[in-house]
Amino acid sequence: MLELSLHIIDIVENSVRAEADKINICIEEEIKRDFLTIKIKDNGNGMDRNLLKQALDPFTTTKENKKVGLGLSLLKEAAVRCGGDLMITSSPESGTELKADFIRSHIDRQPIGDIIETLIVLVTGYPQVDFFFSHRIDDKSIEWDTSRIHEQCGDIMRSNPKVINFIKNDLRKMYNNFKQY
C-alpha cells in the first residue's frame, strides 16, 4: 500500500467484518519526538488467543474465499521498516485495538494520504458504523465524529451527495484551522 490511509481502510474493513458498530481512529504526531502513531479501536467480536497469535501471519485469514490475509502483516512491515512496531490487543466480545508506531521523518515512512477522502469512503461505505476520528500534532488537535452528520443532516443517507459535501466541508474547515506543519 502506498499510503497509511489505505492501511486504515483495510483495518476498518476487518473491524466491520468483526461486526463492530463503533470505530475510533486516532492519528498522533509528535514533531519534537519524531513520532507518528495510528490507533484504531473497535467494539467488534474481537479475537481469541489463538487467532491473535496468528493475526500478523500473512497466511492467516478469517475470510472464507481468501487464502491470505496480508493487511495486518503489511502494516506491521511498514511500521518496522520505519523504526516502529505494531501492537494488537483483543479478546472475544471486547473488540480489538491496534497501535502502529512510526518514526515520523523516516525516509521510508509512507505518507499519511488524504484523510478527508479516507473518512468519506469509510463513513459512506459503512453507514451502520459510528466513527470517531481524532488527529493530534503536538498540542493542536481536531476531533470529528459521525454524530455531526446526524446533528446537521438528520436521517438523510450518508451516501447522499449533499451529506458527502457537508462532510468534506466540515473536515476541510477543521483541517484548514489545524494544519500548520
Protein backbone atom coordinates (compact mmCIF):
# COMPACT_ATOMS: atom_id res chain seq x y z
CA MET A 1 0.00 0.00 0.00
CA LEU A 2 1.31 3.40 -0.91
CA GLU A 3 -0.29 5.48 1.88
CA LEU A 4 -1.07 4.92 5.53
CA SER A 5 -4.68 5.94 4.88
CA LEU A 6 -5.10 2.79 2.77
CA HIS A 7 -3.95 0.71 5.73
CA ILE A 8 -6.58 2.49 7.83
CA ILE A 9 -9.29 1.49 5.34
CA ASP A 10 -8.07 -2.11 5.40
CA ILE A 11 -8.11 -2.29 9.21
CA VAL A 12 -11.58 -0.72 9.38
CA GLU A 13 -12.83 -3.35 6.90
CA ASN A 14 -11.55 -6.00 9.34
CA SER A 15 -13.43 -4.26 12.16
CA VAL A 16 -16.66 -4.17 10.17
CA ARG A 17 -16.32 -7.88 9.33
CA ALA A 18 -15.96 -8.45 13.08
CA GLU A 19 -19.37 -6.75 13.49
CA ALA A 20 -18.07 -3.51 15.02
CA ASP A 21 -20.55 -0.64 15.04
CA LYS A 22 -18.21 1.84 16.78
CA ILE A 23 -14.71 2.52 15.50
CA ASN A 24 -12.20 5.05 16.83
CA ILE A 25 -9.39 6.19 14.54
CA CYS A 26 -6.66 8.32 16.08
CA ILE A 27 -3.55 9.78 14.44
CA GLU A 28 -0.97 11.31 16.77
CA GLU A 29 2.11 13.17 15.59
CA GLU A 30 4.86 14.47 17.83
CA ILE A 31 7.25 16.67 15.89
CA LYS A 32 9.97 17.01 18.56
CA ARG A 33 9.94 13.30 19.43
CA ASP A 34 9.78 12.50 15.69
CA PHE A 35 6.94 10.05 16.23
CA LEU A 36 3.72 9.16 14.42
CA THR A 37 1.14 6.76 15.83
CA ILE A 38 -2.05 5.38 14.33
CA LYS A 39 -4.54 3.79 16.71
CA ILE A 40 -7.72 2.02 15.68
CA LYS A 41 -10.10 0.63 18.27
CA ASP A 42 -13.39 -1.16 17.64
CA ASN A 43 -16.16 -2.81 19.62
CA GLY A 44 -16.35 -5.84 17.33
CA ASN A 45 -16.24 -9.54 18.18
CA GLY A 46 -12.53 -9.49 18.99
CA MET A 47 -10.08 -12.35 18.59
CA ASP A 48 -9.33 -15.32 20.82
CA ARG A 49 -5.73 -16.01 21.89
CA ASN A 50 -5.03 -18.40 19.03
CA LEU A 51 -6.22 -16.03 16.33
CA LEU A 52 -4.45 -13.09 17.98
CA LYS A 53 -1.16 -15.05 17.94
CA GLN A 54 -1.61 -15.73 14.21
CA ALA A 55 -3.05 -12.34 13.22
CA LEU A 56 0.23 -10.99 11.81
CA ASP A 57 0.93 -14.09 9.74
CA PRO A 58 0.21 -13.20 6.09
CA PHE A 59 -1.24 -16.68 5.54
CA THR A 60 -3.84 -16.33 8.27
CA THR A 61 -7.28 -15.07 7.31
CA THR A 62 -10.85 -15.32 8.53
CA LYS A 63 -12.22 -14.67 5.05
CA GLU A 64 -13.76 -17.81 3.61
CA ASN A 65 -12.94 -17.02 -0.02
CA LYS A 66 -9.31 -15.95 0.53
CA LYS A 67 -6.18 -17.87 1.37
CA VAL A 68 -4.11 -14.98 2.66
CA GLY A 69 -4.63 -12.04 5.00
CA LEU A 70 -1.96 -9.53 4.09
CA GLY A 71 -3.39 -6.36 5.68
CA LEU A 72 -2.02 -6.58 9.21
CA SER A 73 1.30 -8.06 8.12
CA LEU A 74 1.80 -5.27 5.56
CA LEU A 75 1.07 -2.58 8.17
CA LYS A 76 3.49 -4.22 10.61
CA GLU A 77 6.15 -4.36 7.89
CA ALA A 78 5.59 -0.66 7.09
CA ALA A 79 5.96 0.27 10.78
CA VAL A 80 9.04 -1.86 11.42
CA ARG A 81 10.70 -0.57 8.23
CA CYS A 82 10.41 2.92 9.75
CA GLY A 83 11.78 2.11 13.19
CA GLY A 84 8.38 1.44 14.74
CA ASP A 85 6.17 -1.51 15.50
CA LEU A 86 2.59 -2.77 15.51
CA MET A 87 0.77 -3.96 18.62
CA ILE A 88 -2.65 -5.58 18.76
CA THR A 89 -4.77 -6.29 21.81
CA SER A 90 -8.02 -8.18 21.54
CA SER A 91 -10.30 -10.59 23.30
CA PRO A 92 -13.59 -12.19 22.36
CA GLU A 93 -16.61 -9.93 22.84
CA SER A 94 -14.36 -6.98 23.79
CA GLY A 95 -13.22 -5.70 20.43
CA THR A 96 -9.76 -5.08 19.09
CA GLU A 97 -7.26 -2.26 19.48
CA LEU A 98 -4.38 -1.75 17.09
CA LYS A 99 -1.46 0.66 17.51
CA ALA A 100 1.10 1.28 14.77
CA ASP A 101 4.13 3.44 15.59
CA PHE A 102 6.48 5.07 13.07
CA ILE A 103 9.47 7.36 13.14
CA ARG A 104 7.75 10.35 11.57
CA SER A 105 10.68 11.65 9.49
CA HIS A 106 11.94 8.23 8.39
CA ILE A 107 12.70 8.26 4.69
CA ASP A 108 10.73 5.05 4.14
CA ARG A 109 7.61 6.16 6.01
CA GLN A 110 4.62 6.19 3.74
CA PRO A 111 2.71 9.48 3.59
CA ILE A 112 -0.48 9.63 5.63
CA GLY A 113 -2.53 10.24 2.49
CA ASP A 114 -5.82 12.06 2.05
CA ILE A 115 -7.51 11.59 5.40
CA ILE A 116 -10.60 13.57 4.40
CA GLU A 117 -11.29 11.29 1.44
CA THR A 118 -10.47 8.25 3.56
CA LEU A 119 -13.08 9.27 6.13
CA ILE A 120 -15.64 9.90 3.40
CA VAL A 121 -15.04 6.42 1.97
CA LEU A 122 -15.46 4.87 5.42
CA VAL A 123 -18.47 6.91 6.54
CA THR A 124 -20.40 6.43 3.28
CA GLY A 125 -19.30 2.82 2.81
CA TYR A 126 -20.27 1.73 6.31
CA PRO A 127 -23.39 3.72 7.26
CA GLN A 128 -24.15 1.28 10.10
CA VAL A 129 -20.92 2.25 11.89
CA ASP A 130 -20.36 5.24 14.15
CA PHE A 131 -16.89 6.67 13.63
CA PHE A 132 -14.87 8.85 15.96
CA PHE A 133 -11.74 10.41 14.44
CA SER A 134 -9.01 12.49 16.04
CA HIS A 135 -5.75 13.87 14.72
CA ARG A 136 -3.21 15.49 17.00
CA ILE A 137 0.00 17.25 16.07
CA ASP A 138 1.89 18.22 19.22
CA ASP A 139 -0.55 20.35 21.24
CA LYS A 140 -3.07 21.00 18.45
CA SER A 141 -5.84 18.57 17.65
CA ILE A 142 -9.12 18.07 15.88
CA GLU A 143 -11.92 15.68 16.69
CA TRP A 144 -14.74 14.64 14.40
CA ASP A 145 -17.40 12.00 14.62
CA THR A 146 -20.47 10.82 12.80
CA SER A 147 -22.78 12.45 15.34
CA ARG A 148 -22.01 15.70 13.46
CA ILE A 149 -23.70 14.19 10.41
CA HIS A 150 -26.76 13.23 12.43
CA GLU A 151 -26.97 16.71 14.02
CA GLN A 152 -26.71 18.57 10.71
CA CYS A 153 -28.26 16.17 8.20
CA GLY A 154 -30.77 14.15 10.21
CA ASP A 155 -31.78 10.87 8.62
CA ILE A 156 -30.51 11.67 5.14
CA MET A 157 -28.40 8.78 3.86
CA ARG A 158 -24.66 9.23 4.23
CA SER A 159 -24.18 8.47 0.54
CA ASN A 160 -26.32 11.47 -0.44
CA PRO A 161 -24.15 13.99 -2.35
CA LYS A 162 -25.28 16.79 -0.01
CA VAL A 163 -24.15 14.79 3.01
CA ILE A 164 -20.83 13.99 1.35
CA ASN A 165 -20.32 17.70 0.63
CA PHE A 166 -21.21 18.52 4.24
CA ILE A 167 -18.61 16.01 5.48
CA LYS A 168 -15.93 17.34 3.10
CA ASN A 169 -16.58 20.96 4.01
CA ASP A 170 -16.74 20.22 7.72
CA LEU A 171 -13.45 18.33 7.70
CA ARG A 172 -11.72 20.81 5.37
CA LYS A 173 -12.68 23.68 7.66
CA MET A 174 -11.27 21.79 10.64
CA TYR A 175 -8.07 20.87 8.83
CA ASN A 176 -7.56 24.39 7.46
CA ASN A 177 -7.58 25.69 11.03
CA PHE A 178 -5.41 22.82 12.22
CA LYS A 179 -2.63 22.03 9.77
CA GLN A 180 0.30 24.36 10.09
CA TYR A 181 3.18 21.91 9.76
